[in-house]
Structure formats: structure tokens, C-alpha cells
Protein backbone atom coordinates (compact mmCIF):
# COMPACT_ATOMS: atom_id res chain seq x y z
CA MET A 1 115.05 116.57 117.16
CA ASP A 2 116.16 117.27 113.39
CA ALA A 3 114.91 114.30 111.31
CA ALA A 4 116.68 115.17 109.13
CA SER A 5 120.23 115.09 110.77
CA ILE A 6 118.01 111.83 112.18
CA SER A 7 117.54 110.17 108.89
CA HIS A 8 121.20 110.98 107.02
CA ALA A 9 122.73 109.99 110.27
CA ILE A 10 120.68 106.60 110.42
CA GLU A 11 121.18 105.88 106.05
CA GLY A 12 125.20 106.75 106.84
CA ALA A 13 124.91 104.29 108.58
CA LEU A 14 123.27 101.90 107.22
CA GLU A 15 126.04 102.36 104.23
CA ALA A 16 128.58 101.93 106.42
CA GLU A 17 126.76 98.32 107.97
CA GLY A 18 126.72 97.31 103.47
CA TYR A 19 122.57 97.38 104.24
CA ALA A 20 120.06 96.55 101.26
CA THR A 21 120.57 99.28 98.48
CA PRO A 22 120.18 103.26 98.91
CA GLU A 23 116.12 103.09 98.49
CA ILE A 24 115.93 100.81 101.00
CA ARG A 25 118.14 102.90 103.43
CA HIS A 26 116.22 106.04 102.78
CA ASP A 27 113.01 103.83 103.34
CA ILE A 28 114.61 102.69 106.60
CA ALA A 29 115.76 106.06 107.75
CA PHE A 30 111.93 107.64 106.41
CA HIS A 31 110.25 105.23 108.86
CA MET A 32 111.97 105.88 111.97
CA THR A 33 112.11 109.79 112.10
CA ASP A 34 108.48 109.96 110.28
CA TRP A 35 107.28 110.11 113.59
CA LEU A 36 109.44 111.97 115.54
CA ALA A 37 107.23 114.38 116.49
CA ASP A 38 104.18 111.59 117.70
CA LEU A 39 107.50 110.29 119.94
CA GLU A 40 108.22 114.05 121.13
CA ARG A 41 103.83 114.08 122.29
CA TRP A 42 104.46 111.49 124.30
CA TYR A 43 108.04 111.43 125.81
CA ALA A 44 106.49 114.39 127.50
CA TYR A 45 103.08 113.09 128.38
CA CYS A 46 105.63 110.52 129.67
CA GLN A 47 107.55 112.79 132.26
CA SER A 48 104.73 114.84 133.93
CA PRO A 49 101.20 112.22 132.89
CA GLU A 50 98.93 114.33 134.93
CA SER A 51 99.61 117.58 132.41
CA LEU A 52 96.54 115.73 129.79
CA ASP A 53 93.16 114.56 131.56
CA ALA A 54 92.03 111.92 129.89
CA ASP A 55 90.46 113.20 126.45
CA ALA A 56 93.80 114.46 126.21
CA THR A 57 95.63 110.88 126.40
CA ALA A 58 92.85 108.90 124.91
CA SER A 59 93.80 111.02 122.03
CA LEU A 60 97.72 111.20 122.12
CA LEU A 61 97.85 107.01 122.60
CA THR A 62 94.78 106.98 119.77
CA ASP A 63 97.56 109.33 117.91
CA PHE A 64 100.23 107.78 117.94
CA LEU A 65 99.14 104.08 118.33
CA VAL A 66 97.21 104.67 114.23
CA HIS A 67 100.43 106.15 113.47
CA VAL A 68 103.58 104.77 114.89
CA PRO A 69 102.85 100.94 115.04
CA ASN A 70 103.08 100.95 110.97
CA HIS A 71 106.47 102.86 109.80
CA LEU A 72 107.94 100.65 112.83
CA ALA A 73 106.39 97.30 110.68
CA ALA A 74 107.80 98.46 107.90
CA ALA A 75 111.12 99.65 108.97
CA SER A 76 111.64 96.36 110.48
CA LYS A 77 110.65 94.73 107.74
CA LEU A 78 113.07 96.43 105.58
CA MET A 79 115.97 96.66 107.91
CA THR A 80 115.66 92.00 108.56
CA GLY A 81 113.17 90.63 106.12
CA ILE A 82 111.63 89.54 109.47
CA PRO A 83 107.64 90.33 109.15
CA VAL A 84 104.99 91.54 111.87
CA THR A 85 103.91 88.66 113.82
CA ASP A 86 100.77 88.61 116.48
CA VAL A 87 103.01 87.16 119.11
CA PHE A 88 100.37 87.70 122.28
CA GLN A 89 98.46 86.60 120.30
CA VAL A 90 95.21 89.30 120.10
CA GLY A 91 94.54 89.73 116.51
CA ALA A 92 96.78 92.76 115.29
CA THR A 93 97.79 91.76 112.37
CA THR A 94 94.30 91.23 110.82
CA GLU A 95 91.45 93.65 110.92
CA SER A 96 88.53 91.83 111.77
CA ASP A 97 88.13 91.06 116.01
CA GLY A 98 87.21 87.93 115.86
């Protein structure tokens, strides 16, 4: 994946559609591309889940889940104005477990 090309395409599409300012379009593109390496690793795992042992699978999941959701939440808020909510009511938007 070519993050620079993807970012450029996102910014161009958002500009063509009249979304926000150049800075916000850039930020959206950044948040949608900064985790592409995580996506590649996740996709490879999905193609061959037996290729990783339990420890490597847990590590992959942790890395993905710590990095990707915050970028998606930021891109979503910047593009739509809609904040992330805890639709599954598991405490996903709070730091405490209780």
C-alpha cells in the first residue's frame, strides 16, 4: 500500500466534495492512512489465521486495537462531526472498568 498516494487521493476526493479546510482534509487523510501497516498485518492474519501462534495473535490484536480505533474515531469526528459513542455499552469510551 502506498500511504502517500492514498492520502493524496483522500484529500483530493474530500476537496472535490467540498469537505472542510485543507488542514482538516489533510488530518482526515492522515488518520485514515497512519495505520495501514496494521491493516496489512491484520489482513495477512485473516488470510491465514493458523500462521500465528496464540501469543503472536494476541500481540497482533493488541497492537491493532490500541492504534487503529483512535485514528478512526478522529477521522470520523473530523469528517462527520459525530463523536464516537459506546453503542455496545461496554465502557468503550471511559477509562475505568466500572
